[in-house]
Amino acid sequence: MKEELIARVVQVLRINMSWMTWNLFLAFIPLALSVLLFRFRRGSSLLWWLGFLVFYAFLPNAPYLLTDVIHLIDDIRTIQSVWMITLVLIPLYLLVIIGGFEAYVISLINWGYYLHRIGKSQWIWRVELITHFLCAIGVYWGRFLRFNSWDLITQPDALLTKGIEEILGKQPLVIIAITFVVLAGLYWIMKRVTLGLRRPDSRIGINSERANSNTPNI
């Protein structure tokens, strides 16, 4: 019985590691781009703007990992062992989901750093809210319509027609609105946790934000 349970857990982990690795890879693409675009370069070339578009095309992949919790429910039904679920399955899912969302948080922190560097600090919170909204749409497209980031290139017509048509319905709008609230709330929390873990001398503006909410915490 124990051997059968262990074999089942190993089988589930093998299946999960495949899509988890792929989804994390997609989530870290915008993180890598944010470092390159917003930390080391300025938006003065066609190549920068191309990278910027790719950044936003792949950014929803990071918060998308939050929706992978639905696989956890299926795996719990499959394994049916409290100890295996508590000690193996849940920690694995938490690691992947938090890792993906942290990539989202750091990507936006880097975006805010860039805006601060070019003297546009007052736009940071607006850009964050717009990004949450766009990513909420992207998450909906990915989870329910099964679109991918590269569909912007491979099938832009289907993405614009079917994608826009679908999100105009009442139910999709409710889902997108809930996703937006979840993203905004979790981002607000995780941003402060992330900045709080940094060295005090590296958090530019963290104290001054109390006096000016437009100053980024970087």
N, C-alpha and C. Protein backbone atom coordinates (compact mmCIF):
# COMPACT_ATOMS: atom_id res chain seq x y z
N MET A 1 0.83 -1.21 0.00
CA MET A 1 0.00 0.00 0.00
C MET A 1 0.86 1.26 0.00
N LYS A 2 1.92 1.23 0.85
CA LYS A 2 2.82 2.37 0.93
C LYS A 2 3.59 2.55 -0.38
N GLU A 3 4.03 1.43 -0.96
CA GLU A 3 4.76 1.49 -2.21
C GLU A 3 3.87 2.02 -3.33
N GLU A 4 2.60 1.61 -3.31
CA GLU A 4 1.67 2.08 -4.32
C GLU A 4 1.43 3.58 -4.19
N LEU A 5 1.34 4.08 -2.96
CA LEU A 5 1.13 5.50 -2.72
C LEU A 5 2.33 6.31 -3.20
N ILE A 6 3.53 5.83 -2.85
CA ILE A 6 4.75 6.52 -3.27
C ILE A 6 4.85 6.56 -4.79
N ALA A 7 4.52 5.44 -5.43
CA ALA A 7 4.56 5.39 -6.90
C ALA A 7 3.58 6.39 -7.51
N ARG A 8 2.43 6.53 -6.89
CA ARG A 8 1.43 7.47 -7.38
C ARG A 8 1.90 8.91 -7.23
N VAL A 9 2.55 9.19 -6.09
CA VAL A 9 3.08 10.54 -5.86
C VAL A 9 4.16 10.86 -6.87
N VAL A 10 5.05 9.90 -7.11
CA VAL A 10 6.12 10.10 -8.09
C VAL A 10 5.55 10.35 -9.47
N GLN A 11 4.51 9.62 -9.82
CA GLN A 11 3.87 9.81 -11.12
C GLN A 11 3.27 11.21 -11.25
N VAL A 12 2.59 11.65 -10.20
CA VAL A 12 1.99 12.98 -10.20
C VAL A 12 3.06 14.06 -10.30
N LEU A 13 4.16 13.88 -9.56
CA LEU A 13 5.24 14.86 -9.59
C LEU A 13 5.90 14.92 -10.96
N ARG A 14 6.06 13.79 -11.60
CA ARG A 14 6.65 13.78 -12.94
C ARG A 14 5.79 14.55 -13.92
N ILE A 15 4.49 14.33 -13.84
CA ILE A 15 3.57 15.06 -14.73
C ILE A 15 3.61 16.55 -14.43
N ASN A 16 3.60 16.89 -13.15
CA ASN A 16 3.57 18.30 -12.75
C ASN A 16 4.86 19.03 -13.09
N MET A 17 5.98 18.36 -12.91
CA MET A 17 7.26 19.04 -13.15
C MET A 17 7.40 19.51 -14.57
N SER A 18 6.75 18.82 -15.49
CA SER A 18 6.83 19.20 -16.91
C SER A 18 6.18 20.56 -17.13
N TRP A 19 4.91 20.69 -16.75
CA TRP A 19 4.22 21.96 -17.00
C TRP A 19 4.66 23.04 -16.02
N MET A 20 5.04 22.66 -14.80
CA MET A 20 5.51 23.65 -13.85
C MET A 20 6.81 24.31 -14.33
N THR A 21 7.72 23.50 -14.83
CA THR A 21 8.98 24.04 -15.34
C THR A 21 8.74 24.97 -16.53
N TRP A 22 7.84 24.55 -17.42
CA TRP A 22 7.53 25.36 -18.59
C TRP A 22 6.87 26.68 -18.20
N ASN A 23 5.90 26.61 -17.29
CA ASN A 23 5.20 27.83 -16.87
C ASN A 23 6.12 28.78 -16.12
N LEU A 24 7.02 28.24 -15.31
CA LEU A 24 7.99 29.10 -14.63
C LEU A 24 8.95 29.75 -15.62
N PHE A 25 9.34 28.99 -16.63
CA PHE A 25 10.20 29.55 -17.68
C PHE A 25 9.53 30.74 -18.36
N LEU A 26 8.24 30.59 -18.69
CA LEU A 26 7.50 31.68 -19.31
C LEU A 26 7.36 32.87 -18.36
N ALA A 27 7.20 32.58 -17.07
CA ALA A 27 7.06 33.65 -16.08
C ALA A 27 8.34 34.44 -15.90
N PHE A 28 9.48 33.79 -16.10
CA PHE A 28 10.76 34.48 -15.88
C PHE A 28 11.25 35.21 -17.13
N ILE A 29 10.59 35.01 -18.26
CA ILE A 29 10.95 35.78 -19.46
C ILE A 29 10.73 37.27 -19.25
N PRO A 30 9.54 37.72 -18.80
CA PRO A 30 9.38 39.16 -18.55
C PRO A 30 10.28 39.68 -17.44
N LEU A 31 10.61 38.85 -16.47
CA LEU A 31 11.53 39.29 -15.42
C LEU A 31 12.90 39.60 -16.00
N ALA A 32 13.39 38.70 -16.85
CA ALA A 32 14.69 38.94 -17.49
C ALA A 32 14.64 40.17 -18.38
N LEU A 33 13.54 40.33 -19.10
CA LEU A 33 13.40 41.50 -19.97
C LEU A 33 13.31 42.79 -19.16
N SER A 34 12.66 42.74 -18.00
CA SER A 34 12.54 43.94 -17.17
C SER A 34 13.90 44.40 -16.67
N VAL A 35 14.76 43.46 -16.35
CA VAL A 35 16.12 43.83 -15.92
C VAL A 35 16.87 44.48 -17.07
N LEU A 36 16.77 43.88 -18.24
CA LEU A 36 17.48 44.40 -19.41
C LEU A 36 16.93 45.75 -19.85
N LEU A 37 15.61 45.89 -19.90
CA LEU A 37 14.99 47.11 -20.42
C LEU A 37 15.02 48.25 -19.42
N PHE A 38 14.71 47.96 -18.16
CA PHE A 38 14.45 49.02 -17.20
C PHE A 38 15.61 49.31 -16.26
N ARG A 39 16.56 48.41 -16.19
CA ARG A 39 17.71 48.64 -15.31
C ARG A 39 18.95 49.11 -16.05
N PHE A 40 19.10 48.67 -17.30
CA PHE A 40 20.35 48.94 -18.00
C PHE A 40 20.21 49.77 -19.27
N ARG A 41 18.97 49.97 -19.73
CA ARG A 41 18.78 50.69 -20.99
C ARG A 41 17.74 51.79 -20.84
N ARG A 42 17.72 52.67 -21.83
CA ARG A 42 16.70 53.72 -21.90
C ARG A 42 15.91 53.54 -23.19
N GLY A 43 14.63 53.95 -23.15
CA GLY A 43 13.75 53.72 -24.30
C GLY A 43 13.98 54.69 -25.42
N SER A 44 15.07 54.53 -26.12
CA SER A 44 15.39 55.46 -27.19
C SER A 44 15.66 54.77 -28.52
N SER A 45 15.35 53.49 -28.61
CA SER A 45 15.63 52.78 -29.85
C SER A 45 14.46 51.88 -30.21
N LEU A 46 14.40 51.50 -31.47
CA LEU A 46 13.36 50.59 -31.95
C LEU A 46 13.48 49.23 -31.26
N LEU A 47 14.70 48.79 -31.01
CA LEU A 47 14.93 47.51 -30.35
C LEU A 47 14.37 47.53 -28.93
N TRP A 48 14.52 48.66 -28.23
CA TRP A 48 13.99 48.78 -26.87
C TRP A 48 12.47 48.65 -26.88
N TRP A 49 11.81 49.33 -27.82
CA TRP A 49 10.36 49.28 -27.89
C TRP A 49 9.86 47.90 -28.29
N LEU A 50 10.62 47.22 -29.12
CA LEU A 50 10.27 45.84 -29.47
C LEU A 50 10.35 44.95 -28.24
N GLY A 51 11.43 45.12 -27.47
CA GLY A 51 11.57 44.37 -26.23
C GLY A 51 10.47 44.71 -25.24
N PHE A 52 10.04 45.97 -25.22
CA PHE A 52 8.97 46.42 -24.34
C PHE A 52 7.66 45.71 -24.68
N LEU A 53 7.35 45.58 -25.97
CA LEU A 53 6.14 44.89 -26.40
C LEU A 53 6.20 43.41 -26.04
N VAL A 54 7.36 42.81 -26.22
CA VAL A 54 7.53 41.40 -25.84
C VAL A 54 7.37 41.24 -24.33
N PHE A 55 7.88 42.20 -23.58
CA PHE A 55 7.74 42.18 -22.13
C PHE A 55 6.28 42.12 -21.71
N TYR A 56 5.45 42.98 -22.30
CA TYR A 56 4.03 43.00 -21.94
C TYR A 56 3.28 41.78 -22.50
N ALA A 57 3.76 41.24 -23.61
CA ALA A 57 3.12 40.06 -24.18
C ALA A 57 3.29 38.84 -23.27
N PHE A 58 4.46 38.75 -22.62
CA PHE A 58 4.76 37.59 -21.77
C PHE A 58 4.45 37.83 -20.30
N LEU A 59 4.24 39.07 -19.91
CA LEU A 59 4.03 39.37 -18.48
C LEU A 59 2.86 38.62 -17.85
N PRO A 60 1.71 38.44 -18.53
CA PRO A 60 0.61 37.70 -17.90
C PRO A 60 0.96 36.27 -17.51
N ASN A 61 2.03 35.71 -18.09
CA ASN A 61 2.42 34.34 -17.74
C ASN A 61 2.85 34.22 -16.29
N ALA A 62 3.30 35.33 -15.70
CA ALA A 62 3.76 35.27 -14.30
C ALA A 62 2.58 35.15 -13.33
N PRO A 63 1.59 36.06 -13.37
CA PRO A 63 0.44 35.88 -12.48
C PRO A 63 -0.46 34.72 -12.89
N TYR A 64 -0.32 34.25 -14.13
CA TYR A 64 -1.11 33.12 -14.59
C TYR A 64 -0.92 31.90 -13.71
N LEU A 65 0.26 31.78 -13.11
CA LEU A 65 0.56 30.62 -12.26
C LEU A 65 -0.38 30.54 -11.05
N LEU A 66 -1.00 31.66 -10.69
CA LEU A 66 -1.98 31.62 -9.60
C LEU A 66 -3.15 30.69 -9.93
N THR A 67 -3.51 30.63 -11.20
CA THR A 67 -4.65 29.81 -11.61
C THR A 67 -4.32 28.33 -11.65
N ASP A 68 -3.04 27.99 -11.56
CA ASP A 68 -2.66 26.58 -11.59
C ASP A 68 -3.03 25.85 -10.31
N VAL A 69 -3.61 26.58 -9.37
CA VAL A 69 -4.09 25.93 -8.14
C VAL A 69 -5.19 24.92 -8.47
N ILE A 70 -5.84 25.05 -9.62
CA ILE A 70 -6.88 24.09 -10.00
C ILE A 70 -6.28 22.70 -10.18
N HIS A 71 -5.00 22.62 -10.59
CA HIS A 71 -4.35 21.33 -10.73
C HIS A 71 -4.09 20.70 -9.37
N LEU A 72 -3.88 21.55 -8.37
CA LEU A 72 -3.66 21.05 -7.02
C LEU A 72 -4.89 20.28 -6.52
N ILE A 73 -6.06 20.79 -6.83
CA ILE A 73 -7.30 20.12 -6.41
C ILE A 73 -7.39 18.73 -7.03
N ASP A 74 -7.07 18.63 -8.32
CA ASP A 74 -7.09 17.32 -8.99
C ASP A 74 -6.06 16.37 -8.40
N ASP A 75 -4.87 16.89 -8.08
CA ASP A 75 -3.82 16.05 -7.52
C ASP A 75 -4.18 15.56 -6.13
N ILE A 76 -4.84 16.41 -5.35
CA ILE A 76 -5.27 16.00 -4.01
C ILE A 76 -6.26 14.85 -4.10
N ARG A 77 -7.15 14.90 -5.07
CA ARG A 77 -8.11 13.81 -5.26
C ARG A 77 -7.41 12.53 -5.70
N THR A 78 -6.30 12.70 -6.44
CA THR A 78 -5.59 11.53 -6.95
C THR A 78 -4.78 10.84 -5.86
N ILE A 79 -4.07 11.63 -5.04
CA ILE A 79 -3.16 11.06 -4.05
C ILE A 79 -3.91 10.58 -2.80
N GLN A 80 -4.79 11.41 -2.27
CA GLN A 80 -5.63 11.05 -1.12
C GLN A 80 -4.80 10.60 0.08
N SER A 81 -3.70 11.29 0.33
CA SER A 81 -2.89 11.03 1.52
C SER A 81 -2.58 12.37 2.17
N VAL A 82 -3.05 12.54 3.40
CA VAL A 82 -2.88 13.83 4.08
C VAL A 82 -1.41 14.20 4.20
N TRP A 83 -0.58 13.23 4.57
CA TRP A 83 0.84 13.52 4.78
C TRP A 83 1.54 13.89 3.48
N MET A 84 1.27 13.15 2.42
CA MET A 84 1.90 13.44 1.13
C MET A 84 1.42 14.78 0.58
N ILE A 85 0.14 15.06 0.78
CA ILE A 85 -0.40 16.33 0.31
C ILE A 85 0.21 17.50 1.08
N THR A 86 0.33 17.33 2.41
CA THR A 86 0.82 18.41 3.26
C THR A 86 2.32 18.62 3.13
N LEU A 87 3.08 17.54 3.02
CA LEU A 87 4.54 17.65 3.03
C LEU A 87 5.17 17.74 1.65
N VAL A 88 4.47 17.30 0.63
CA VAL A 88 5.06 17.27 -0.71
C VAL A 88 4.30 18.17 -1.68
N LEU A 89 3.02 17.89 -1.82
CA LEU A 89 2.24 18.53 -2.89
C LEU A 89 2.04 20.03 -2.66
N ILE A 90 1.52 20.40 -1.49
CA ILE A 90 1.23 21.81 -1.21
C ILE A 90 2.50 22.66 -1.23
N PRO A 91 3.61 22.23 -0.57
CA PRO A 91 4.84 23.04 -0.65
C PRO A 91 5.34 23.23 -2.08
N LEU A 92 5.20 22.17 -2.90
CA LEU A 92 5.65 22.29 -4.30
C LEU A 92 4.83 23.33 -5.05
N TYR A 93 3.51 23.28 -4.90
CA TYR A 93 2.65 24.24 -5.56
C TYR A 93 2.90 25.66 -5.05
N LEU A 94 3.08 25.81 -3.75
CA LEU A 94 3.35 27.13 -3.18
C LEU A 94 4.64 27.70 -3.74
N LEU A 95 5.66 26.85 -3.86
CA LEU A 95 6.95 27.30 -4.38
C LEU A 95 6.80 27.81 -5.81
N VAL A 96 6.08 27.07 -6.63
CA VAL A 96 5.91 27.44 -8.04
C VAL A 96 5.06 28.69 -8.18
N ILE A 97 3.93 28.72 -7.47
CA ILE A 97 3.00 29.86 -7.59
C ILE A 97 3.63 31.14 -7.06
N ILE A 98 4.27 31.06 -5.89
CA ILE A 98 4.92 32.25 -5.32
C ILE A 98 6.09 32.68 -6.18
N GLY A 99 6.83 31.71 -6.72
CA GLY A 99 7.95 32.05 -7.61
C GLY A 99 7.49 32.80 -8.84
N GLY A 100 6.38 32.34 -9.44
CA GLY A 100 5.85 33.01 -10.62
C GLY A 100 5.35 34.41 -10.30
N PHE A 101 4.63 34.54 -9.17
CA PHE A 101 4.10 35.86 -8.84
C PHE A 101 5.20 36.81 -8.41
N GLU A 102 6.23 36.29 -7.77
CA GLU A 102 7.35 37.15 -7.39
C GLU A 102 8.06 37.69 -8.63
N ALA A 103 8.10 36.89 -9.69
CA ALA A 103 8.66 37.37 -10.96
C ALA A 103 7.83 38.55 -11.47
N TYR A 104 6.53 38.48 -11.30
CA TYR A 104 5.62 39.56 -11.69
C TYR A 104 5.90 40.82 -10.86
N VAL A 105 6.04 40.63 -9.56
CA VAL A 105 6.28 41.75 -8.65
C VAL A 105 7.60 42.45 -8.98
N ILE A 106 8.67 41.69 -9.13
CA ILE A 106 9.98 42.29 -9.39
C ILE A 106 9.99 42.96 -10.77
N SER A 107 9.28 42.37 -11.73
CA SER A 107 9.20 42.99 -13.06
C SER A 107 8.59 44.38 -12.98
N LEU A 108 7.51 44.52 -12.20
CA LEU A 108 6.87 45.83 -12.07
C LEU A 108 7.70 46.78 -11.21
N ILE A 109 8.42 46.25 -10.23
CA ILE A 109 9.32 47.10 -9.45
C ILE A 109 10.40 47.69 -10.37
N ASN A 110 10.93 46.86 -11.26
CA ASN A 110 11.92 47.35 -12.22
C ASN A 110 11.32 48.38 -13.16
N TRP A 111 10.07 48.18 -13.57
CA TRP A 111 9.35 49.13 -14.42
C TRP A 111 9.20 50.46 -13.68
N GLY A 112 8.85 50.39 -12.39
CA GLY A 112 8.73 51.60 -11.59
C GLY A 112 10.06 52.30 -11.40
N TYR A 113 11.13 51.52 -11.26
CA TYR A 113 12.47 52.10 -11.14
C TYR A 113 12.81 52.90 -12.39
N TYR A 114 12.44 52.36 -13.55
CA TYR A 114 12.72 53.06 -14.80
C TYR A 114 11.94 54.37 -14.88
N LEU A 115 10.67 54.33 -14.52
CA LEU A 115 9.86 55.55 -14.54
C LEU A 115 10.43 56.59 -13.58
N HIS A 116 10.89 56.15 -12.43
CA HIS A 116 11.51 57.06 -11.47
C HIS A 116 12.79 57.66 -12.04
N ARG A 117 13.54 56.83 -12.74
CA ARG A 117 14.83 57.28 -13.29
C ARG A 117 14.65 58.33 -14.38
N ILE A 118 13.54 58.26 -15.14
CA ILE A 118 13.33 59.24 -16.21
C ILE A 118 12.42 60.39 -15.75
N GLY A 119 12.19 60.47 -14.44
CA GLY A 119 11.43 61.59 -13.90
C GLY A 119 9.92 61.47 -14.04
N LYS A 120 9.41 60.25 -14.11
CA LYS A 120 7.97 60.02 -14.26
C LYS A 120 7.41 59.25 -13.06
N SER A 121 7.89 59.56 -11.87
CA SER A 121 7.46 58.83 -10.68
C SER A 121 5.96 58.90 -10.45
N GLN A 122 5.35 60.01 -10.86
CA GLN A 122 3.91 60.18 -10.64
C GLN A 122 3.08 59.19 -11.45
N TRP A 123 3.69 58.54 -12.43
CA TRP A 123 2.97 57.59 -13.26
C TRP A 123 3.06 56.16 -12.75
N ILE A 124 3.84 55.91 -11.73
CA ILE A 124 4.10 54.53 -11.29
C ILE A 124 2.82 53.80 -10.90
N TRP A 125 2.02 54.40 -10.02
CA TRP A 125 0.81 53.70 -9.56
C TRP A 125 -0.20 53.54 -10.68
N ARG A 126 -0.23 54.51 -11.61
CA ARG A 126 -1.15 54.38 -12.75
C ARG A 126 -0.72 53.23 -13.66
N VAL A 127 0.58 53.16 -13.92
CA VAL A 127 1.11 52.08 -14.76
C VAL A 127 0.87 50.73 -14.11
N GLU A 128 1.03 50.65 -12.80
CA GLU A 128 0.78 49.40 -12.09
C GLU A 128 -0.67 48.95 -12.23
N LEU A 129 -1.61 49.88 -12.06
CA LEU A 129 -3.03 49.54 -12.18
C LEU A 129 -3.38 49.12 -13.60
N ILE A 130 -2.86 49.84 -14.59
CA ILE A 130 -3.10 49.48 -15.99
C ILE A 130 -2.53 48.10 -16.29
N THR A 131 -1.35 47.83 -15.75
CA THR A 131 -0.71 46.53 -15.97
C THR A 131 -1.52 45.41 -15.33
N HIS A 132 -2.02 45.64 -14.12
CA HIS A 132 -2.86 44.63 -13.47
C HIS A 132 -4.08 44.32 -14.33
N PHE A 133 -4.68 45.36 -14.88
CA PHE A 133 -5.88 45.17 -15.71
C PHE A 133 -5.56 44.39 -16.98
N LEU A 134 -4.47 44.77 -17.66
CA LEU A 134 -4.07 44.07 -18.88
C LEU A 134 -3.72 42.62 -18.59
N CYS A 135 -3.05 42.38 -17.47
CA CYS A 135 -2.68 41.01 -17.11
C CYS A 135 -3.90 40.20 -16.71
N ALA A 136 -4.90 40.84 -16.11
CA ALA A 136 -6.14 40.14 -15.78
C ALA A 136 -6.82 39.64 -17.05
N ILE A 137 -6.80 40.48 -18.10
CA ILE A 137 -7.33 40.05 -19.39
C ILE A 137 -6.48 38.92 -19.96
N GLY A 138 -5.16 39.06 -19.88
CA GLY A 138 -4.27 38.04 -20.39
C GLY A 138 -4.44 36.71 -19.67
N VAL A 139 -4.63 36.74 -18.36
CA VAL A 139 -4.85 35.52 -17.59
C VAL A 139 -6.15 34.85 -18.02
N TYR A 140 -7.18 35.66 -18.23
CA TYR A 140 -8.46 35.11 -18.69
C TYR A 140 -8.29 34.46 -20.07
N TRP A 141 -7.64 35.16 -20.98
CA TRP A 141 -7.41 34.59 -22.30
C TRP A 141 -6.65 33.27 -22.22
N GLY A 142 -5.64 33.23 -21.36
CA GLY A 142 -4.83 32.03 -21.26
C GLY A 142 -5.56 30.87 -20.61
N ARG A 143 -6.28 31.14 -19.53
CA ARG A 143 -6.94 30.06 -18.79
C ARG A 143 -8.20 29.56 -19.46
N PHE A 144 -9.03 30.47 -19.98
CA PHE A 144 -10.33 30.07 -20.51
C PHE A 144 -10.35 29.93 -22.03
N LEU A 145 -9.60 30.76 -22.74
CA LEU A 145 -9.58 30.69 -24.20
C LEU A 145 -8.36 29.97 -24.73
N ARG A 146 -7.44 29.65 -23.83
CA ARG A 146 -6.22 28.89 -24.15
C ARG A 146 -5.33 29.58 -25.17
N PHE A 147 -5.29 30.91 -25.14
CA PHE A 147 -4.35 31.66 -25.97
C PHE A 147 -2.99 31.70 -25.28
N ASN A 148 -1.95 31.81 -26.08
CA ASN A 148 -0.59 31.95 -25.58
C ASN A 148 -0.01 33.29 -26.01
N SER A 149 1.11 33.66 -25.38
CA SER A 149 1.72 34.95 -25.67
C SER A 149 2.10 35.08 -27.14
N TRP A 150 2.60 33.98 -27.72
CA TRP A 150 3.05 34.05 -29.11
C TRP A 150 1.90 34.09 -30.11
N ASP A 151 0.66 33.93 -29.63
CA ASP A 151 -0.48 34.04 -30.53
C ASP A 151 -0.65 35.47 -31.04
N LEU A 152 -0.02 36.43 -30.36
CA LEU A 152 -0.02 37.80 -30.86
C LEU A 152 0.65 37.88 -32.23
N ILE A 153 1.56 36.93 -32.48
CA ILE A 153 2.26 36.90 -33.77
C ILE A 153 1.66 35.85 -34.69
N THR A 154 1.38 34.65 -34.14
CA THR A 154 0.94 33.53 -34.98
C THR A 154 -0.52 33.64 -35.41
N GLN A 155 -1.39 34.14 -34.54
CA GLN A 155 -2.80 34.30 -34.92
C GLN A 155 -3.41 35.55 -34.29
N PRO A 156 -2.92 36.72 -34.70
CA PRO A 156 -3.42 37.98 -34.12
C PRO A 156 -4.89 38.22 -34.41
N ASP A 157 -5.38 37.75 -35.58
CA ASP A 157 -6.78 37.96 -35.93
C ASP A 157 -7.70 37.25 -34.94
N ALA A 158 -7.37 35.99 -34.63
CA ALA A 158 -8.20 35.22 -33.70
C ALA A 158 -8.14 35.82 -32.30
N LEU A 159 -6.97 36.30 -31.94
CA LEU A 159 -6.81 36.89 -30.61
C LEU A 159 -7.63 38.16 -30.46
N LEU A 160 -7.65 38.98 -31.51
CA LEU A 160 -8.38 40.25 -31.44
C LEU A 160 -9.88 40.05 -31.57
N THR A 161 -10.29 39.15 -32.46
CA THR A 161 -11.73 38.96 -32.68
C THR A 161 -12.36 38.13 -31.57
N LYS A 162 -11.90 36.89 -31.41
CA LYS A 162 -12.47 36.02 -30.39
C LYS A 162 -12.17 36.53 -28.99
N GLY A 163 -10.92 37.00 -28.79
CA GLY A 163 -10.53 37.47 -27.46
C GLY A 163 -11.36 38.65 -27.00
N ILE A 164 -11.50 39.65 -27.85
CA ILE A 164 -12.28 40.83 -27.48
C ILE A 164 -13.76 40.51 -27.37
N GLU A 165 -14.25 39.66 -28.26
CA GLU A 165 -15.66 39.29 -28.22
C GLU A 165 -16.01 38.57 -26.92
N GLU A 166 -15.12 37.70 -26.49
CA GLU A 166 -15.37 36.90 -25.28
C GLU A 166 -15.39 37.76 -24.01
N ILE A 167 -14.45 38.71 -23.92
CA ILE A 167 -14.35 39.47 -22.66
C ILE A 167 -15.45 40.51 -22.50
N LEU A 168 -16.28 40.69 -23.53
CA LEU A 168 -17.37 41.65 -23.43
C LEU A 168 -18.62 41.06 -22.77
N GLY A 169 -18.59 39.75 -22.53
CA GLY A 169 -19.71 39.11 -21.86
C GLY A 169 -19.72 39.42 -20.37
N LYS A 170 -20.86 39.21 -19.73
CA LYS A 170 -21.01 39.54 -18.32
C LYS A 170 -20.11 38.69 -17.43
N GLN A 171 -20.12 37.38 -17.67
CA GLN A 171 -19.31 36.48 -16.84
C GLN A 171 -17.81 36.74 -16.99
N PRO A 172 -17.30 36.87 -18.24
CA PRO A 172 -15.87 37.18 -18.38
C PRO A 172 -15.48 38.48 -17.69
N LEU A 173 -16.33 39.50 -17.77
CA LEU A 173 -16.02 40.77 -17.13
C LEU A 173 -15.93 40.61 -15.61
N VAL A 174 -16.81 39.79 -15.05
CA VAL A 174 -16.77 39.54 -13.60
C VAL A 174 -15.48 38.82 -13.23
N ILE A 175 -15.12 37.81 -14.02
CA ILE A 175 -13.88 37.06 -13.76
C ILE A 175 -12.67 37.97 -13.87
N ILE A 176 -12.64 38.80 -14.90
CA ILE A 176 -11.52 39.73 -15.09
C ILE A 176 -11.45 40.73 -13.95
N ALA A 177 -12.61 41.22 -13.51
CA ALA A 177 -12.63 42.17 -12.40
C ALA A 177 -12.11 41.54 -11.12
N ILE A 178 -12.52 40.31 -10.84
CA ILE A 178 -12.03 39.60 -9.65
C ILE A 178 -10.53 39.36 -9.76
N THR A 179 -10.08 38.96 -10.95
CA THR A 179 -8.65 38.73 -11.16
C THR A 179 -7.86 40.01 -10.95
N PHE A 180 -8.40 41.12 -11.43
CA PHE A 180 -7.75 42.41 -11.25
C PHE A 180 -7.59 42.74 -9.77
N VAL A 181 -8.64 42.55 -9.00
CA VAL A 181 -8.60 42.84 -7.56
C VAL A 181 -7.58 41.94 -6.86
N VAL A 182 -7.57 40.66 -7.23
CA VAL A 182 -6.61 39.72 -6.64
C VAL A 182 -5.18 40.12 -6.97
N LEU A 183 -4.93 40.45 -8.23
CA LEU A 183 -3.58 40.85 -8.65
C LEU A 183 -3.14 42.12 -7.93
N ALA A 184 -4.02 43.11 -7.88
CA ALA A 184 -3.68 44.38 -7.24
C ALA A 184 -3.40 44.18 -5.75
N GLY A 185 -4.25 43.38 -5.09
CA GLY A 185 -4.07 43.15 -3.66
C GLY A 185 -2.81 42.36 -3.34
N LEU A 186 -2.60 41.27 -4.05
CA LEU A 186 -1.40 40.46 -3.81
C LEU A 186 -0.13 41.22 -4.17
N TYR A 187 -0.21 42.00 -5.25
CA TYR A 187 0.97 42.78 -5.64
C TYR A 187 1.32 43.80 -4.57
N TRP A 188 0.31 44.47 -4.03
CA TRP A 188 0.56 45.47 -2.99
C TRP A 188 1.26 44.84 -1.79
N ILE A 189 0.83 43.64 -1.42
CA ILE A 189 1.43 42.95 -0.28
C ILE A 189 2.84 42.48 -0.61
N MET A 190 2.97 41.79 -1.75
CA MET A 190 4.26 41.19 -2.11
C MET A 190 5.30 42.25 -2.44
N LYS A 191 4.87 43.37 -2.95
CA LYS A 191 5.82 44.44 -3.25
C LYS A 191 6.49 44.92 -1.97
N ARG A 192 5.69 45.11 -0.93
CA ARG A 192 6.24 45.57 0.35
C ARG A 192 7.08 44.50 1.03
N VAL A 193 6.69 43.24 0.88
CA VAL A 193 7.51 42.16 1.42
C VAL A 193 8.85 42.10 0.70
N THR A 194 8.79 42.20 -0.62
CA THR A 194 10.02 42.14 -1.42
C THR A 194 10.96 43.29 -1.09
N LEU A 195 10.42 44.49 -1.02
CA LEU A 195 11.25 45.66 -0.70
C LEU A 195 11.73 45.60 0.74
N GLY A 196 10.92 45.03 1.63
CA GLY A 196 11.32 44.92 3.03
C GLY A 196 12.46 43.96 3.25
N LEU A 197 12.63 42.98 2.32
CA LEU A 197 13.72 42.01 2.45
C LEU A 197 15.04 42.55 1.94
N ARG A 198 14.98 43.69 1.26
CA ARG A 198 16.21 44.29 0.75
C ARG A 198 16.93 45.04 1.84
N ARG A 199 18.21 45.31 1.58
CA ARG A 199 18.98 46.10 2.54
C ARG A 199 18.41 47.51 2.63
N PRO A 200 18.39 48.11 3.79
CA PRO A 200 17.82 49.45 3.95
C PRO A 200 18.41 50.48 3.00
N ASP A 201 19.71 50.39 2.72
CA ASP A 201 20.35 51.40 1.89
C ASP A 201 20.06 51.20 0.40
N SER A 202 19.40 50.09 0.05
CA SER A 202 19.10 49.86 -1.36
C SER A 202 17.66 50.19 -1.71
N ARG A 203 16.87 50.52 -0.72
CA ARG A 203 15.45 50.79 -0.95
C ARG A 203 15.24 52.29 -1.17
N ILE A 204 15.50 52.73 -2.36
CA ILE A 204 15.39 54.14 -2.67
C ILE A 204 13.96 54.59 -2.51
N GLY A 205 13.76 55.58 -1.69
CA GLY A 205 12.44 56.18 -1.58
C GLY A 205 11.48 55.47 -0.68
N ILE A 206 11.90 54.40 0.01
CA ILE A 206 10.94 53.67 0.83
C ILE A 206 10.45 54.48 2.01
N ASN A 207 11.30 55.32 2.55
CA ASN A 207 10.86 56.18 3.64
C ASN A 207 10.14 57.41 3.13
N SER A 208 10.60 57.91 2.00
CA SER A 208 10.00 59.13 1.47
C SER A 208 8.62 58.89 0.90
N GLU A 209 8.23 57.59 0.68
CA GLU A 209 6.91 57.32 0.15
C GLU A 209 5.82 57.79 1.11
N ARG A 210 6.15 57.80 2.39
CA ARG A 210 5.16 58.26 3.35
C ARG A 210 4.81 59.72 3.14
N ALA A 211 5.80 60.46 2.64
CA ALA A 211 5.56 61.88 2.37
C ALA A 211 5.04 62.11 0.97
N ASN A 212 5.43 61.19 0.04
CA ASN A 212 5.00 61.32 -1.35
C ASN A 212 4.68 59.96 -1.89
N SER A 213 3.42 59.63 -2.08
CA SER A 213 3.02 58.30 -2.50
C SER A 213 3.45 57.98 -3.92
N ASN A 214 3.92 59.00 -4.67
CA ASN A 214 4.35 58.76 -6.04
C ASN A 214 5.81 58.35 -6.13
N THR A 215 6.51 58.36 -5.04
CA THR A 215 7.91 57.98 -5.05
C THR A 215 8.01 56.47 -4.97
N PRO A 216 8.75 55.80 -5.88
CA PRO A 216 8.77 54.37 -5.91
C PRO A 216 9.61 53.77 -4.79
N ASN A 217 9.24 52.58 -4.37
CA ASN A 217 10.02 51.82 -3.39
C ASN A 217 10.94 50.90 -4.14
N ILE A 218 12.17 51.25 -4.34
CA ILE A 218 13.07 50.46 -5.17
C ILE A 218 14.39 50.30 -4.45
